Amino acid sequence: LEHRTQKPVKLLSDLLKNSTKKGDTVLDPFMGSGTTAVAAIQNDRDYIGFEIDEDNYRSVIERRISEAKRQVNANAN
């Protein structure tokens, strides 16, 4: 885990699929390690996220978002 309260991506994916439509925008005001952004990317949703503890999580969030986008692009081809 990269955050002490990190949730599984599958849990967030299930929540997003059950409460939003493709193309919707998801707001995550407590981004942590970026799990909600990853789930949004994997499920064709847009996202907006905020994290007050930028010094500790920015690199983790950026890496996870990059990996998720790469994976989605690879699966699309």
PDB file of N, CA and C in Angstrom:
ATOM      1  N   LEU A   1       0.823  -1.185   0.000  1.00  0.00           N
ATOM      2  CA  LEU A   1       0.000   0.000   0.000  1.00  0.00           C
ATOM      3  C   LEU A   1       0.874   1.258   0.000  1.00  0.00           C
ATOM      4  N   GLU A   2       0.391   2.249  -0.709  1.00  0.00           N
ATOM      5  CA  GLU A   2       1.134   3.493  -0.787  1.00  0.00           C
ATOM      6  C   GLU A   2       0.494   4.603   0.039  1.00  0.00           C
ATOM      7  N   HIS A   3      -0.573   4.254   0.734  1.00  0.00           N
ATOM      8  CA  HIS A   3      -1.273   5.193   1.608  1.00  0.00           C
ATOM      9  C   HIS A   3      -1.911   4.360   2.707  1.00  0.00           C
ATOM     10  N   ARG A   4      -1.897   4.836   3.902  1.00  0.00           N
ATOM     11  CA  ARG A   4      -2.352   3.996   5.024  1.00  0.00           C
ATOM     12  C   ARG A   4      -3.836   3.642   4.978  1.00  0.00           C
ATOM     13  N   THR A   5      -4.637   4.386   4.239  1.00  0.00           N
ATOM     14  CA  THR A   5      -6.059   4.041   4.115  1.00  0.00           C
ATOM     15  C   THR A   5      -6.449   3.762   2.660  1.00  0.00           C
ATOM     16  N   GLN A   6      -5.479   3.314   1.879  1.00  0.00           N
ATOM     17  CA  GLN A   6      -5.720   3.047   0.456  1.00  0.00           C
ATOM     18  C   GLN A   6      -6.788   1.980   0.277  1.00  0.00           C
ATOM     19  N   LYS A   7      -7.698   2.241  -0.650  1.00  0.00           N
ATOM     20  CA  LYS A   7      -8.774   1.295  -0.976  1.00  0.00           C
ATOM     21  C   LYS A   7      -8.399   0.502  -2.212  1.00  0.00           C
ATOM     22  N   PRO A   8      -8.954  -0.687  -2.381  1.00  0.00           N
ATOM     23  CA  PRO A   8      -8.706  -1.459  -3.599  1.00  0.00           C
ATOM     24  C   PRO A   8      -9.331  -0.769  -4.825  1.00  0.00           C
ATOM     25  N   VAL A   9      -8.632  -0.780  -5.939  1.00  0.00           N
ATOM     26  CA  VAL A   9      -9.140  -0.166  -7.168  1.00  0.00           C
ATOM     27  C   VAL A   9     -10.471  -0.797  -7.557  1.00  0.00           C
ATOM     28  N   LYS A  10     -10.604  -2.116  -7.387  1.00  0.00           N
ATOM     29  CA  LYS A  10     -11.849  -2.786  -7.759  1.00  0.00           C
ATOM     30  C   LYS A  10     -13.038  -2.216  -6.990  1.00  0.00           C
ATOM     31  N   LEU A  11     -12.865  -1.930  -5.718  1.00  0.00           N
ATOM     32  CA  LEU A  11     -13.949  -1.349  -4.926  1.00  0.00           C
ATOM     33  C   LEU A  11     -14.385  -0.006  -5.506  1.00  0.00           C
ATOM     34  N   LEU A  12     -13.415   0.862  -5.812  1.00  0.00           N
ATOM     35  CA  LEU A  12     -13.745   2.167  -6.384  1.00  0.00           C
ATOM     36  C   LEU A  12     -14.327   2.015  -7.786  1.00  0.00           C
ATOM     37  N   SER A  13     -13.821   1.053  -8.567  1.00  0.00           N
ATOM     38  CA  SER A  13     -14.373   0.800  -9.903  1.00  0.00           C
ATOM     39  C   SER A  13     -15.844   0.409  -9.819  1.00  0.00           C
ATOM     40  N   ASP A  14     -16.146  -0.496  -8.899  1.00  0.00           N
ATOM     41  CA  ASP A  14     -17.542  -0.926  -8.727  1.00  0.00           C
ATOM     42  C   ASP A  14     -18.433   0.252  -8.329  1.00  0.00           C
ATOM     43  N   LEU A  15     -17.945   1.082  -7.402  1.00  0.00           N
ATOM     44  CA  LEU A  15     -18.720   2.258  -6.989  1.00  0.00           C
ATOM     45  C   LEU A  15     -18.958   3.205  -8.162  1.00  0.00           C
ATOM     46  N   LEU A  16     -17.909   3.465  -8.942  1.00  0.00           N
ATOM     47  CA  LEU A  16     -18.053   4.378 -10.083  1.00  0.00           C
ATOM     48  C   LEU A  16     -19.000   3.817 -11.132  1.00  0.00           C
ATOM     49  N   LYS A  17     -18.887   2.533 -11.427  1.00  0.00           N
ATOM     50  CA  LYS A  17     -19.766   1.926 -12.428  1.00  0.00           C
ATOM     51  C   LYS A  17     -21.223   1.953 -11.986  1.00  0.00           C
ATOM     52  N   ASN A  18     -21.453   1.844 -10.676  1.00  0.00           N
ATOM     53  CA  ASN A  18     -22.822   1.816 -10.158  1.00  0.00           C
ATOM     54  C   ASN A  18     -23.423   3.196  -9.942  1.00  0.00           C
ATOM     55  N   SER A  19     -22.601   4.234  -9.948  1.00  0.00           N
ATOM     56  CA  SER A  19     -23.136   5.551  -9.616  1.00  0.00           C
ATOM     57  C   SER A  19     -22.860   6.631 -10.667  1.00  0.00           C
ATOM     58  N   THR A  20     -22.144   6.275 -11.743  1.00  0.00           N
ATOM     59  CA  THR A  20     -21.838   7.245 -12.793  1.00  0.00           C
ATOM     60  C   THR A  20     -21.966   6.576 -14.156  1.00  0.00           C
ATOM     61  N   LYS A  21     -21.944   7.418 -15.185  1.00  0.00           N
ATOM     62  CA  LYS A  21     -21.958   6.915 -16.557  1.00  0.00           C
ATOM     63  C   LYS A  21     -20.616   7.237 -17.205  1.00  0.00           C
ATOM     64  N   LYS A  22     -20.279   6.508 -18.271  1.00  0.00           N
ATOM     65  CA  LYS A  22     -19.068   6.815 -19.022  1.00  0.00           C
ATOM     66  C   LYS A  22     -19.077   8.280 -19.412  1.00  0.00           C
ATOM     67  N   GLY A  23     -17.937   8.939 -19.257  1.00  0.00           N
ATOM     68  CA  GLY A  23     -17.820  10.342 -19.599  1.00  0.00           C
ATOM     69  C   GLY A  23     -18.141  11.293 -18.457  1.00  0.00           C
ATOM     70  N   ASP A  24     -18.747  10.784 -17.374  1.00  0.00           N
ATOM     71  CA  ASP A  24     -19.013  11.639 -16.217  1.00  0.00           C
ATOM     72  C   ASP A  24     -17.700  12.060 -15.565  1.00  0.00           C
ATOM     73  N   THR A  25     -17.767  13.107 -14.760  1.00  0.00           N
ATOM     74  CA  THR A  25     -16.602  13.579 -14.017  1.00  0.00           C
ATOM     75  C   THR A  25     -16.762  13.217 -12.553  1.00  0.00           C
ATOM     76  N   VAL A  26     -15.720  12.629 -11.990  1.00  0.00           N
ATOM     77  CA  VAL A  26     -15.705  12.193 -10.598  1.00  0.00           C
ATOM     78  C   VAL A  26     -14.828  13.158  -9.803  1.00  0.00           C
ATOM     79  N   LEU A  27     -15.309  13.619  -8.669  1.00  0.00           N
ATOM     80  CA  LEU A  27     -14.547  14.507  -7.795  1.00  0.00           C
ATOM     81  C   LEU A  27     -14.002  13.716  -6.612  1.00  0.00           C
ATOM     82  N   ASP A  28     -12.697  13.827  -6.393  1.00  0.00           N
ATOM     83  CA  ASP A  28     -12.064  13.206  -5.232  1.00  0.00           C
ATOM     84  C   ASP A  28     -11.330  14.296  -4.455  1.00  0.00           C
ATOM     85  N   PRO A  29     -11.951  14.836  -3.402  1.00  0.00           N
ATOM     86  CA  PRO A  29     -11.333  15.943  -2.667  1.00  0.00           C
ATOM     87  C   PRO A  29     -10.221  15.495  -1.715  1.00  0.00           C
ATOM     88  N   PHE A  30     -10.026  14.190  -1.565  1.00  0.00           N
ATOM     89  CA  PHE A  30      -8.979  13.644  -0.700  1.00  0.00           C
ATOM     90  C   PHE A  30      -8.257  12.548  -1.477  1.00  0.00           C
ATOM     91  N   MET A  31      -7.426  12.917  -2.432  1.00  0.00           N
ATOM     92  CA  MET A  31      -6.873  11.993  -3.414  1.00  0.00           C
ATOM     93  C   MET A  31      -5.964  10.907  -2.849  1.00  0.00           C
ATOM     94  N   GLY A  32      -5.239  11.196  -1.794  1.00  0.00           N
ATOM     95  CA  GLY A  32      -4.342  10.192  -1.244  1.00  0.00           C
ATOM     96  C   GLY A  32      -3.376   9.691  -2.292  1.00  0.00           C
ATOM     97  N   SER A  33      -3.428   8.396  -2.577  1.00  0.00           N
ATOM     98  CA  SER A  33      -2.518   7.797  -3.556  1.00  0.00           C
ATOM     99  C   SER A  33      -3.120   7.711  -4.958  1.00  0.00           C
ATOM    100  N   GLY A  34      -4.323   8.266  -5.165  1.00  0.00           N
ATOM    101  CA  GLY A  34      -4.896   8.351  -6.502  1.00  0.00           C
ATOM    102  C   GLY A  34      -5.747   7.188  -6.951  1.00  0.00           C
ATOM    103  N   THR A  35      -6.209   6.366  -6.024  1.00  0.00           N
ATOM    104  CA  THR A  35      -6.992   5.185  -6.392  1.00  0.00           C
ATOM    105  C   THR A  35      -8.262   5.543  -7.157  1.00  0.00           C
ATOM    106  N   THR A  36      -8.957   6.588  -6.741  1.00  0.00           N
ATOM    107  CA  THR A  36     -10.185   6.984  -7.438  1.00  0.00           C
ATOM    108  C   THR A  36      -9.880   7.444  -8.856  1.00  0.00           C
ATOM    109  N   ALA A  37      -8.784   8.163  -9.046  1.00  0.00           N
ATOM    110  CA  ALA A  37      -8.385   8.594 -10.393  1.00  0.00           C
ATOM    111  C   ALA A  37      -8.083   7.384 -11.267  1.00  0.00           C
ATOM    112  N   VAL A  38      -7.399   6.401 -10.719  1.00  0.00           N
ATOM    113  CA  VAL A  38      -7.089   5.176 -11.472  1.00  0.00           C
ATOM    114  C   VAL A  38      -8.386   4.482 -11.876  1.00  0.00           C
ATOM    115  N   ALA A  39      -9.311   4.339 -10.943  1.00  0.00           N
ATOM    116  CA  ALA A  39     -10.596   3.695 -11.254  1.00  0.00           C
ATOM    117  C   ALA A  39     -11.359   4.487 -12.308  1.00  0.00           C
ATOM    118  N   ALA A  40     -11.313   5.808 -12.218  1.00  0.00           N
ATOM    119  CA  ALA A  40     -11.992   6.641 -13.213  1.00  0.00           C
ATOM    120  C   ALA A  40     -11.395   6.428 -14.600  1.00  0.00           C
ATOM    121  N   ILE A  41     -10.076   6.420 -14.687  1.00  0.00           N
ATOM    122  CA  ILE A  41      -9.400   6.206 -15.973  1.00  0.00           C
ATOM    123  C   ILE A  41      -9.768   4.842 -16.538  1.00  0.00           C
ATOM    124  N   GLN A  42      -9.740   3.829 -15.710  1.00  0.00           N
ATOM    125  CA  GLN A  42     -10.029   2.467 -16.164  1.00  0.00           C
ATOM    126  C   GLN A  42     -11.477   2.294 -16.614  1.00  0.00           C
ATOM    127  N   ASN A  43     -12.356   3.168 -16.152  1.00  0.00           N
ATOM    128  CA  ASN A  43     -13.784   3.035 -16.466  1.00  0.00           C
ATOM    129  C   ASN A  43     -14.320   4.168 -17.324  1.00  0.00           C
ATOM    130  N   ASP A  44     -13.426   4.850 -18.036  1.00  0.00           N
ATOM    131  CA  ASP A  44     -13.802   5.891 -18.996  1.00  0.00           C
ATOM    132  C   ASP A  44     -14.583   7.037 -18.357  1.00  0.00           C
ATOM    133  N   ARG A  45     -14.115   7.455 -17.172  1.00  0.00           N
ATOM    134  CA  ARG A  45     -14.661   8.631 -16.501  1.00  0.00           C
ATOM    135  C   ARG A  45     -13.553   9.679 -16.409  1.00  0.00           C
ATOM    136  N   ASP A  46     -13.941  10.935 -16.363  1.00  0.00           N
ATOM    137  CA  ASP A  46     -12.987  12.004 -16.087  1.00  0.00           C
ATOM    138  C   ASP A  46     -12.884  12.141 -14.573  1.00  0.00           C
ATOM    139  N   TYR A  47     -11.871  12.836 -14.104  1.00  0.00           N
ATOM    140  CA  TYR A  47     -11.726  13.003 -12.667  1.00  0.00           C
ATOM    141  C   TYR A  47     -11.090  14.355 -12.354  1.00  0.00           C
ATOM    142  N   ILE A  48     -11.405  14.835 -11.180  1.00  0.00           N
ATOM    143  CA  ILE A  48     -10.767  16.010 -10.601  1.00  0.00           C
ATOM    144  C   ILE A  48     -10.394  15.590  -9.189  1.00  0.00           C
ATOM    145  N   GLY A  49      -9.149  15.822  -8.811  1.00  0.00           N
ATOM    146  CA  GLY A  49      -8.726  15.412  -7.481  1.00  0.00           C
ATOM    147  C   GLY A  49      -7.877  16.462  -6.804  1.00  0.00           C
ATOM    148  N   PHE A  50      -7.953  16.469  -5.482  1.00  0.00           N
ATOM    149  CA  PHE A  50      -7.171  17.382  -4.661  1.00  0.00           C
ATOM    150  C   PHE A  50      -6.462  16.578  -3.581  1.00  0.00           C
ATOM    151  N   GLU A  51      -5.254  16.976  -3.240  1.00  0.00           N
ATOM    152  CA  GLU A  51      -4.538  16.345  -2.132  1.00  0.00           C
ATOM    153  C   GLU A  51      -3.733  17.413  -1.408  1.00  0.00           C
ATOM    154  N   ILE A  52      -4.025  17.601  -0.140  1.00  0.00           N
ATOM    155  CA  ILE A  52      -3.348  18.633   0.644  1.00  0.00           C
ATOM    156  C   ILE A  52      -1.897  18.244   0.958  1.00  0.00           C
ATOM    157  N   ASP A  53      -1.629  16.945   1.059  1.00  0.00           N
ATOM    158  CA  ASP A  53      -0.294  16.447   1.406  1.00  0.00           C
ATOM    159  C   ASP A  53       0.506  16.162   0.136  1.00  0.00           C
ATOM    160  N   GLU A  54       0.627  17.165  -0.697  1.00  0.00           N
ATOM    161  CA  GLU A  54       1.256  17.035  -2.010  1.00  0.00           C
ATOM    162  C   GLU A  54       2.686  16.500  -1.927  1.00  0.00           C
ATOM    163  N   ASP A  55       3.442  16.942  -0.933  1.00  0.00           N
ATOM    164  CA  ASP A  55       4.841  16.507  -0.822  1.00  0.00           C
ATOM    165  C   ASP A  55       4.967  14.993  -0.721  1.00  0.00           C
ATOM    166  N   ASN A  56       4.046  14.347  -0.032  1.00  0.00           N
ATOM    167  CA  ASN A  56       4.130  12.899   0.162  1.00  0.00           C
ATOM    168  C   ASN A  56       3.494  12.082  -0.946  1.00  0.00           C
ATOM    169  N   TYR A  57       2.516  12.628  -1.659  1.00  0.00           N
ATOM    170  CA  TYR A  57       1.745  11.793  -2.576  1.00  0.00           C
ATOM    171  C   TYR A  57       1.824  12.164  -4.051  1.00  0.00           C
ATOM    172  N   ARG A  58       2.343  13.315  -4.380  1.00  0.00           N
ATOM    173  CA  ARG A  58       2.354  13.746  -5.780  1.00  0.00           C
ATOM    174  C   ARG A  58       3.022  12.722  -6.711  1.00  0.00           C
ATOM    175  N   SER A  59       4.187  12.250  -6.350  1.00  0.00           N
ATOM    176  CA  SER A  59       4.889  11.300  -7.227  1.00  0.00           C
ATOM    177  C   SER A  59       4.129   9.985  -7.348  1.00  0.00           C
ATOM    178  N   VAL A  60       3.508   9.539  -6.259  1.00  0.00           N
ATOM    179  CA  VAL A  60       2.721   8.306  -6.286  1.00  0.00           C
ATOM    180  C   VAL A  60       1.510   8.481  -7.201  1.00  0.00           C
ATOM    181  N   ILE A  61       0.803   9.599  -7.042  1.00  0.00           N
ATOM    182  CA  ILE A  61      -0.380   9.874  -7.855  1.00  0.00           C
ATOM    183  C   ILE A  61      -0.006   9.949  -9.336  1.00  0.00           C
ATOM    184  N   GLU A  62       1.041  10.698  -9.640  1.00  0.00           N
ATOM    185  CA  GLU A  62       1.456  10.847 -11.042  1.00  0.00           C
ATOM    186  C   GLU A  62       1.847   9.503 -11.649  1.00  0.00           C
ATOM    187  N   ARG A  63       2.581   8.685 -10.897  1.00  0.00           N
ATOM    188  CA  ARG A  63       2.993   7.368 -11.404  1.00  0.00           C
ATOM    189  C   ARG A  63       1.779   6.469 -11.638  1.00  0.00           C
ATOM    190  N   ARG A  64       0.858   6.438 -10.690  1.00  0.00           N
ATOM    191  CA  ARG A  64      -0.311   5.562 -10.820  1.00  0.00           C
ATOM    192  C   ARG A  64      -1.214   6.001 -11.968  1.00  0.00           C
ATOM    193  N   ILE A  65      -1.395   7.314 -12.146  1.00  0.00           N
ATOM    194  CA  ILE A  65      -2.214   7.820 -13.248  1.00  0.00           C
ATOM    195  C   ILE A  65      -1.549   7.480 -14.582  1.00  0.00           C
ATOM    196  N   SER A  66      -0.245   7.662 -14.674  1.00  0.00           N
ATOM    197  CA  SER A  66       0.482   7.317 -15.907  1.00  0.00           C
ATOM    198  C   SER A  66       0.334   5.841 -16.245  1.00  0.00           C
ATOM    199  N   GLU A  67       0.507   4.999 -15.233  1.00  0.00           N
ATOM    200  CA  GLU A  67       0.376   3.553 -15.446  1.00  0.00           C
ATOM    201  C   GLU A  67      -1.030   3.186 -15.899  1.00  0.00           C
ATOM    202  N   ALA A  68      -2.042   3.788 -15.283  1.00  0.00           N
ATOM    203  CA  ALA A  68      -3.431   3.492 -15.658  1.00  0.00           C
ATOM    204  C   ALA A  68      -3.713   3.921 -17.091  1.00  0.00           C
ATOM    205  N   LYS A  69      -3.235   5.101 -17.475  1.00  0.00           N
ATOM    206  CA  LYS A  69      -3.442   5.571 -18.853  1.00  0.00           C
ATOM    207  C   LYS A  69      -2.717   4.675 -19.849  1.00  0.00           C
ATOM    208  N   ARG A  70      -1.493   4.278 -19.527  1.00  0.00           N
ATOM    209  CA  ARG A  70      -0.745   3.360 -20.409  1.00  0.00           C
ATOM    210  C   ARG A  70      -1.481   2.042 -20.580  1.00  0.00           C
ATOM    211  N   GLN A  71      -1.997   1.518 -19.474  1.00  0.00           N
ATOM    212  CA  GLN A  71      -2.716   0.242 -19.515  1.00  0.00           C
ATOM    213  C   GLN A  71      -3.987   0.351 -20.359  1.00  0.00           C
ATOM    214  N   VAL A  72      -4.740   1.422 -20.193  1.00  0.00           N
ATOM    215  CA  VAL A  72      -5.966   1.613 -20.970  1.00  0.00           C
ATOM    216  C   VAL A  72      -5.626   1.741 -22.451  1.00  0.00           C
ATOM    217  N   ASN A  73      -4.595   2.501 -22.765  1.00  0.00           N
ATOM    218  CA  ASN A  73      -4.190   2.657 -24.172  1.00  0.00           C
ATOM    219  C   ASN A  73      -3.714   1.335 -24.767  1.00  0.00           C
ATOM    220  N   ALA A  74      -2.984   0.539 -23.998  1.00  0.00           N
ATOM    221  CA  ALA A  74      -2.512  -0.756 -24.479  1.00  0.00           C
ATOM    222  C   ALA A  74      -3.681  -1.699 -24.745  1.00  0.00           C
ATOM    223  N   ASN A  75      -4.691  -1.668 -23.888  1.00  0.00           N
ATOM    224  CA  ASN A  75      -5.864  -2.529 -24.041  1.00  0.00           C
ATOM    225  C   ASN A  75      -6.736  -2.085 -25.223  1.00  0.00           C
ATOM    226  N   ALA A  76      -6.671  -0.793 -25.550  1.00  0.00           N
ATOM    227  CA  ALA A  76      -7.466  -0.275 -26.666  1.00  0.00           C
ATOM    228  C   ALA A  76      -6.872  -0.670 -28.011  1.00  0.00           C
ATOM    229  N   ASN A  77      -5.576  -0.957 -28.033  1.00  0.00           N
ATOM    230  CA  ASN A  77      -4.912  -1.312 -29.308  1.00  0.00           C
ATOM    231  C   ASN A  77      -4.851  -2.786 -29.540  1.00  0.00           C
TER     232      ASN A  77
END
